[in-house]
Amino acid sequence: MTEEKARFFKALGDRTRLTIVGCLLKHDHCACDFSEIAGKDQTTISRHLKILLEAGILRYEKDGRYVIYSLQDDMMKETLEKCGIKKVDSCCPGSLMDADTKKHVVKKNYGKIALGMVQGCGCCDDLSGEEIAGSIGYSNEDISSFSDANLGLGCGNPTALGDIHEGEVVLDLGSGAGFDSFLAARKVGKTGRVIGVDMTAEMLAKARENAEKYGFDNVEFRQGDIEDLPVESGSVDVVMSNCVINLVPDKSRVFREAHRVLKDNGRMYLSDIVLLKDLTPEERSDEKLICACVGGALMKEDYLSIIREAGFTIRIIDEDKDISKRQYSGYPLESLKLELRKG
């Protein structure tokens, strides 16, 4: 009995699981609803549902292709209410910002950055692009070589996290104005190739203009979502990404796509923002925080879990916790820098 109680209270010791339970106190829900309700990707939601099921708090039944979740019984409902858990009224899909809206907000904001209408992503208005780049791992030579491509966007330097060899094919996820792509292009040389993928037309236009200005003919910029890459399977040696995946609604799909396009034994170098403490629902729906790489970020362990589930092995290269104060107004987060390997 004591063990059952411990499992019960442990299951309720998480904000996301409390949100799920609060919604189910109101009425039953399809499993697919909870991603939008809680602002989490479906893989993370599935993990939380499993914990609640194992604690005996929830049950489910299949209705065609849907899985409907409900509280275990009326006694469980009464117990939860006695514990002070409140019903969540705003638990209909779309009550929080949905995936399409988030994508539209990000695209609109980063389009303005590309056009020079706003400076930076909103995380660090007091710092110049040069100051930000210098603080996250770029050399003065990097910055001065491609100054028009450095928009002060990033939380690390993926091109410095591992070896990129001459003749390799490199894919840059969320390539922006081309800064990291051009640094990679110098490493792969004329026998190699760099592909940048970005969803924002204004960023692509700026990147292509910069490629012509800097004389690169081994760099190609393609328009597309990094959740559905316009790249052939098994065609890339290295994937890199710099503070972009946190902006994407379906992060699990991004890593599955990266795994798909990599050759066997291919590798991925990335820096991204992860949370050390969860945000409130209001913070997760805040447009400025989403565009500043905070509102859409995952908890660190959830982030690492979806990477493993995509089939990668992980090496943590660095965890920059100081970036919280430097760039992110003290929000509980860090810049996680990783090397991933496709086995």
Protein backbone atom coordinates (compact mmCIF):
# COMPACT_ATOMS: atom_id res chain seq x y z
CA MET A 1 0.00 0.00 0.00
CA THR A 2 2.84 2.39 0.91
CA GLU A 3 4.52 1.69 -2.43
CA GLU A 4 1.27 2.42 -4.28
CA LYS A 5 0.89 5.74 -2.47
CA ALA A 6 4.47 6.67 -3.28
CA ARG A 7 3.89 5.90 -6.95
CA PHE A 8 0.66 7.94 -6.87
CA PHE A 9 2.24 11.07 -5.40
CA LYS A 10 5.37 10.78 -7.54
CA ALA A 11 3.19 10.64 -10.65
CA LEU A 12 1.54 13.89 -9.63
CA GLY A 13 4.83 15.65 -8.96
CA ASP A 14 5.15 17.10 -12.46
CA ARG A 15 3.49 20.15 -14.05
CA THR A 16 2.71 18.41 -17.35
CA ARG A 17 1.09 15.43 -15.63
CA LEU A 18 -0.94 17.76 -13.40
CA THR A 19 -2.18 19.53 -16.54
CA ILE A 20 -3.24 16.20 -18.07
CA VAL A 21 -5.03 15.14 -14.89
CA GLY A 22 -6.68 18.55 -14.56
CA CYS A 23 -8.09 18.24 -18.06
CA LEU A 24 -9.38 14.74 -17.37
CA LEU A 25 -11.14 15.97 -14.26
CA LYS A 26 -13.21 18.00 -16.70
CA HIS A 27 -13.81 15.32 -19.36
CA ASP A 28 -12.15 12.47 -21.29
CA HIS A 29 -9.58 13.23 -23.97
CA CYS A 30 -7.97 11.66 -26.98
CA ALA A 31 -4.23 11.12 -26.52
CA CYS A 32 -3.54 13.45 -29.44
CA ASP A 33 -5.13 16.39 -27.59
CA PHE A 34 -2.54 16.57 -24.85
CA SER A 35 0.36 17.74 -27.04
CA GLU A 36 -1.39 21.04 -27.70
CA ILE A 37 -2.92 21.23 -24.23
CA ALA A 38 0.44 20.93 -22.45
CA GLY A 39 2.67 22.44 -25.13
CA LYS A 40 4.78 19.26 -25.42
CA ASP A 41 5.68 16.99 -28.31
CA GLN A 42 3.79 13.71 -28.63
CA THR A 43 6.74 11.55 -27.55
CA THR A 44 7.00 13.45 -24.26
CA ILE A 45 3.24 13.26 -23.73
CA SER A 46 3.30 9.48 -24.26
CA ARG A 47 5.93 9.15 -21.57
CA HIS A 48 3.86 11.16 -19.09
CA LEU A 49 0.72 9.15 -19.89
CA LYS A 50 2.59 5.92 -19.25
CA ILE A 51 3.63 7.14 -15.78
CA LEU A 52 0.04 8.09 -14.93
CA LEU A 53 -1.24 4.73 -16.17
CA GLU A 54 1.34 2.80 -14.14
CA ALA A 55 0.32 4.77 -11.05
CA GLY A 56 -3.28 3.66 -11.55
CA ILE A 57 -4.54 7.20 -12.04
CA LEU A 58 -5.67 6.83 -15.65
CA ARG A 59 -7.18 4.22 -17.91
CA TYR A 60 -7.73 4.20 -21.67
CA GLU A 61 -9.77 2.54 -24.34
CA LYS A 62 -9.38 2.42 -28.11
CA ASP A 63 -12.01 3.99 -30.32
CA GLY A 64 -11.04 3.13 -33.89
CA ARG A 65 -7.68 4.77 -34.52
CA TYR A 66 -8.04 7.01 -31.47
CA VAL A 67 -6.96 6.26 -27.89
CA ILE A 68 -9.27 7.89 -25.32
CA TYR A 69 -7.93 8.57 -21.83
CA SER A 70 -10.00 9.02 -18.67
CA LEU A 71 -9.54 8.87 -14.92
CA GLN A 72 -9.54 5.37 -13.44
CA ASP A 73 -12.96 5.72 -11.76
CA ASP A 74 -15.13 8.07 -9.69
CA MET A 75 -13.19 7.22 -6.55
CA MET A 76 -9.97 8.35 -8.22
CA LYS A 77 -11.67 11.57 -9.32
CA GLU A 78 -12.77 12.23 -5.75
CA THR A 79 -9.26 11.49 -4.43
CA LEU A 80 -7.66 13.89 -6.88
CA GLU A 81 -10.10 16.65 -6.02
CA LYS A 82 -9.40 16.12 -2.30
CA CYS A 83 -5.69 16.50 -3.11
CA GLY A 84 -6.49 19.98 -4.38
CA ILE A 85 -5.92 19.32 -8.06
CA LYS A 86 -7.95 21.81 -10.05
CA LYS A 87 -9.90 21.21 -13.19
CA VAL A 88 -8.33 22.76 -16.27
CA ASP A 89 -10.96 24.71 -18.16
CA SER A 90 -8.89 25.76 -21.17
CA CYS A 91 -8.16 22.23 -22.29
CA CYS A 92 -9.56 22.18 -25.80
CA PRO A 93 -7.12 21.79 -28.68
CA GLY A 94 -6.08 25.25 -29.82
CA SER A 95 -6.57 26.89 -26.40
CA LEU A 96 -2.79 27.16 -26.26
CA MET A 97 -0.91 28.24 -29.35
CA ASP A 98 -1.07 25.33 -31.80
CA ALA A 99 1.80 24.07 -33.94
CA ASP A 100 0.81 25.92 -37.11
CA THR A 101 0.41 29.19 -35.25
CA LYS A 102 3.80 28.78 -33.57
CA LYS A 103 5.41 28.12 -36.92
CA HIS A 104 3.75 31.20 -38.42
CA VAL A 105 4.92 33.37 -35.51
CA VAL A 106 8.51 32.13 -35.86
CA LYS A 107 8.52 32.55 -39.64
CA LYS A 108 7.16 36.09 -39.41
CA ASN A 109 9.64 37.16 -36.72
CA TYR A 110 12.71 35.67 -38.38
CA GLY A 111 11.64 37.16 -41.69
CA LYS A 112 11.79 40.57 -40.02
CA ILE A 113 15.26 39.77 -38.65
CA ALA A 114 16.47 38.88 -42.15
CA LEU A 115 15.14 42.18 -43.51
CA GLY A 116 16.83 44.14 -40.73
CA MET A 117 13.51 45.32 -39.29
CA VAL A 118 14.41 43.96 -35.84
CA GLN A 119 17.76 43.02 -34.30
CA GLY A 120 18.22 39.52 -32.96
CA CYS A 121 15.60 37.05 -31.79
CA GLY A 122 14.61 39.07 -28.75
CA CYS A 123 16.67 37.19 -26.20
CA CYS A 124 19.47 39.72 -25.78
CA ASP A 125 18.61 43.18 -27.10
CA ASP A 126 21.55 44.85 -25.35
CA LEU A 127 24.19 42.76 -27.15
CA SER A 128 25.43 43.18 -30.70
CA GLY A 129 25.67 40.28 -33.14
CA GLU A 130 29.44 40.35 -32.78
CA GLU A 131 29.26 40.23 -28.98
CA ILE A 132 26.82 37.31 -29.02
CA ALA A 133 28.90 35.36 -31.56
CA GLY A 134 32.08 35.93 -29.56
CA SER A 135 30.43 34.72 -26.35
CA ILE A 136 29.17 31.42 -27.83
CA GLY A 137 32.34 30.13 -29.47
CA TYR A 138 33.10 31.96 -32.70
CA SER A 139 36.56 33.42 -33.27
CA ASN A 140 37.17 37.01 -34.32
CA GLU A 141 38.28 35.66 -37.70
CA ASP A 142 35.00 33.75 -38.10
CA ILE A 143 32.98 36.84 -37.29
CA SER A 144 34.91 39.26 -39.50
CA SER A 145 34.98 36.86 -42.46
CA PHE A 146 31.21 36.63 -42.79
CA SER A 147 29.89 39.66 -40.92
CA ASP A 148 26.81 40.07 -43.14
CA ALA A 149 25.76 36.50 -42.36
CA ASN A 150 26.13 36.86 -38.59
CA LEU A 151 22.75 38.03 -37.30
CA GLY A 152 23.47 37.33 -33.64
CA LEU A 153 21.33 34.20 -33.65
CA GLY A 154 22.63 31.12 -31.89
CA CYS A 155 23.69 29.53 -28.63
CA GLY A 156 26.91 27.85 -29.77
CA ASN A 157 29.17 27.19 -32.74
CA PRO A 158 28.33 23.76 -34.21
CA THR A 159 31.19 23.93 -36.72
CA ALA A 160 33.65 23.92 -33.79
CA LEU A 161 32.09 20.96 -31.95
CA GLY A 162 33.72 18.25 -34.08
CA ASP A 163 35.70 17.54 -37.22
CA ILE A 164 34.28 18.42 -40.61
CA HIS A 165 36.48 17.02 -43.35
CA GLU A 166 37.34 18.07 -46.87
CA GLY A 167 35.03 16.49 -49.44
CA GLU A 168 32.13 15.85 -47.02
CA VAL A 169 28.48 16.75 -47.50
CA VAL A 170 27.15 18.91 -44.64
CA LEU A 171 23.51 19.77 -43.93
CA ASP A 172 22.71 22.90 -41.91
CA LEU A 173 19.26 22.80 -40.26
CA GLY A 174 17.75 26.27 -40.02
CA SER A 175 20.58 27.89 -41.96
CA GLY A 176 19.41 31.49 -41.58
CA ALA A 177 21.63 33.99 -43.38
CA GLY A 178 24.29 31.32 -43.92
CA PHE A 179 26.87 32.00 -41.21
CA ASP A 180 27.44 28.39 -40.11
CA SER A 181 27.03 27.12 -43.67
CA PHE A 182 29.86 29.32 -44.89
CA LEU A 183 32.15 28.25 -42.04
CA ALA A 184 31.42 24.62 -42.94
CA ALA A 185 31.94 25.32 -46.65
CA ARG A 186 35.51 26.44 -45.97
CA LYS A 187 36.18 23.13 -44.22
CA VAL A 188 34.72 20.83 -46.88
CA GLY A 189 36.44 22.71 -49.71
CA LYS A 190 35.62 22.59 -53.40
CA THR A 191 35.23 18.80 -53.38
CA GLY A 192 32.60 18.99 -50.62
CA ARG A 193 29.16 20.49 -50.45
CA VAL A 194 26.96 22.28 -47.91
CA ILE A 195 23.16 22.29 -48.01
CA GLY A 196 21.29 24.83 -45.90
CA VAL A 197 17.57 24.36 -45.21
CA ASP A 198 15.37 27.15 -43.91
CA MET A 199 11.60 27.77 -43.98
CA THR A 200 11.81 31.56 -44.15
CA ALA A 201 11.88 33.07 -47.65
CA GLU A 202 13.58 36.26 -46.46
CA MET A 203 16.38 34.29 -44.79
CA LEU A 204 16.90 32.20 -47.90
CA ALA A 205 17.15 35.32 -50.06
CA LYS A 206 19.72 36.83 -47.71
CA ALA A 207 21.72 33.59 -47.54
CA ARG A 208 21.83 33.26 -51.33
CA GLU A 209 22.89 36.88 -51.65
CA ASN A 210 25.64 36.30 -49.10
CA ALA A 211 26.82 33.14 -50.88
CA GLU A 212 27.27 35.13 -54.06
CA LYS A 213 28.98 37.99 -52.20
CA TYR A 214 31.46 35.65 -50.48
CA GLY A 215 32.08 33.62 -53.64
CA PHE A 216 30.79 30.21 -52.53
CA ASP A 217 29.69 27.82 -55.26
CA ASN A 218 29.71 24.74 -53.01
CA VAL A 219 26.77 25.96 -50.87
CA GLU A 220 23.10 25.49 -51.76
CA PHE A 221 20.15 26.88 -49.81
CA ARG A 222 16.81 25.07 -50.01
CA GLN A 223 13.44 26.14 -48.69
CA GLY A 224 11.72 23.61 -46.44
CA ASP A 225 10.77 22.51 -42.94
CA ILE A 226 13.42 20.66 -40.97
CA GLU A 227 10.61 18.31 -39.86
CA ASP A 228 10.31 17.20 -43.49
CA LEU A 229 13.73 17.69 -45.06
CA PRO A 230 14.05 18.18 -48.83
CA VAL A 231 17.11 15.94 -48.81
CA GLU A 232 17.67 12.35 -50.00
CA SER A 233 18.03 9.54 -47.49
CA GLY A 234 21.57 8.46 -46.63
CA SER A 235 23.17 11.34 -48.56
CA VAL A 236 24.80 13.46 -45.83
CA ASP A 237 28.00 13.00 -43.79
CA VAL A 238 27.32 15.70 -41.18
CA VAL A 239 24.18 17.42 -39.93
CA MET A 240 24.55 20.58 -37.86
CA SER A 241 22.11 22.91 -36.15
CA ASN A 242 22.46 26.01 -34.02
CA CYS A 243 19.67 26.99 -31.63
CA VAL A 244 16.91 26.09 -34.11
CA ILE A 245 15.32 22.81 -33.02
CA ASN A 246 13.76 24.48 -29.96
CA LEU A 247 11.70 26.60 -32.39
CA VAL A 248 10.15 23.57 -34.09
CA PRO A 249 6.85 22.11 -32.81
CA ASP A 250 7.68 18.43 -33.54
CA LYS A 251 11.25 17.97 -32.34
CA SER A 252 11.04 14.18 -32.46
CA ARG A 253 10.41 14.35 -36.18
CA VAL A 254 13.42 16.64 -36.70
CA PHE A 255 15.75 14.06 -35.19
CA ARG A 256 14.14 11.22 -37.12
CA GLU A 257 14.64 13.21 -40.32
CA ALA A 258 18.28 13.95 -39.44
CA HIS A 259 18.81 10.23 -38.83
CA ARG A 260 17.18 9.42 -42.19
CA VAL A 261 19.37 11.72 -44.30
CA LEU A 262 22.65 10.77 -42.62
CA LYS A 263 24.88 8.10 -44.07
CA ASP A 264 25.74 5.11 -41.89
CA ASN A 265 28.12 6.25 -39.13
CA GLY A 266 27.18 9.86 -39.94
CA ARG A 267 27.26 12.46 -37.19
CA MET A 268 25.35 15.49 -36.02
CA TYR A 269 26.74 18.51 -34.19
CA LEU A 270 24.27 20.79 -32.50
CA SER A 271 23.79 23.44 -29.87
CA ASP A 272 20.31 24.11 -28.54
CA ILE A 273 18.45 25.59 -25.61
CA VAL A 274 16.97 23.15 -23.10
CA LEU A 275 15.09 23.88 -19.89
CA LEU A 276 16.27 23.01 -16.39
CA LYS A 277 12.87 23.88 -14.92
CA ASP A 278 9.54 23.81 -16.71
CA LEU A 279 7.70 26.92 -17.88
CA THR A 280 4.15 27.94 -17.14
CA PRO A 281 1.50 27.46 -19.87
CA GLU A 282 1.42 31.24 -20.25
CA GLU A 283 5.18 31.37 -20.86
CA ARG A 284 4.92 28.57 -23.41
CA SER A 285 2.34 30.56 -25.37
CA ASP A 286 4.25 33.84 -25.20
CA GLU A 287 5.25 34.83 -28.75
CA LYS A 288 8.36 36.70 -27.65
CA LEU A 289 9.61 33.79 -25.55
CA ILE A 290 8.93 31.32 -28.37
CA CYS A 291 10.90 33.42 -30.87
CA ALA A 292 13.64 33.96 -28.26
CA CYS A 293 14.25 30.18 -28.17
CA VAL A 294 12.73 29.76 -24.68
CA GLY A 295 8.98 29.16 -25.03
CA GLY A 296 9.31 26.11 -27.25
CA ALA A 297 12.29 24.51 -25.49
CA LEU A 298 12.03 21.06 -23.92
CA MET A 299 13.20 19.92 -20.52
CA LYS A 300 16.76 18.61 -20.83
CA GLU A 301 15.95 14.95 -20.12
CA ASP A 302 12.98 14.97 -22.51
CA TYR A 303 15.23 16.43 -25.20
CA LEU A 304 17.86 13.73 -24.74
CA SER A 305 15.20 11.01 -24.68
CA ILE A 306 13.73 11.91 -28.06
CA ILE A 307 17.23 11.93 -29.54
CA ARG A 308 17.86 8.40 -28.30
CA GLU A 309 14.46 7.29 -29.56
CA ALA A 310 15.41 8.57 -33.02
CA GLY A 311 18.31 6.09 -33.04
CA PHE A 312 21.30 8.25 -32.11
CA THR A 313 24.02 7.74 -29.56
CA ILE A 314 24.80 10.92 -27.63
CA ARG A 315 27.99 12.56 -26.44
CA ILE A 316 27.47 15.69 -24.35
CA ILE A 317 30.28 18.06 -25.28
CA ASP A 318 29.36 21.02 -23.10
CA GLU A 319 26.56 22.54 -21.04
CA ASP A 320 26.65 26.35 -20.97
CA LYS A 321 24.56 27.38 -17.98
CA ASP A 322 25.99 30.89 -17.87
CA ILE A 323 24.13 31.73 -21.07
CA SER A 324 20.98 31.99 -18.95
CA LYS A 325 22.23 35.25 -17.43
CA ARG A 326 24.17 36.47 -20.47
CA GLN A 327 21.36 36.18 -22.98
CA TYR A 328 18.14 34.90 -21.41
CA SER A 329 17.30 37.12 -18.43
CA GLY A 330 17.93 34.35 -15.94
CA TYR A 331 15.40 31.83 -17.26
CA PRO A 332 16.19 28.29 -15.99
CA LEU A 333 17.91 26.96 -19.09
CA GLU A 334 21.24 26.05 -20.64
CA SER A 335 22.83 25.71 -24.03
CA LEU A 336 23.37 21.99 -24.61
CA LYS A 337 26.12 21.10 -27.09
CA LEU A 338 26.06 17.59 -28.47
CA GLU A 339 27.66 15.17 -30.86
CA LEU A 340 25.22 12.52 -32.13
CA ARG A 341 26.18 9.38 -34.01
CA LYS A 342 24.10 7.24 -36.34
CA GLY A 343 25.02 3.64 -35.68
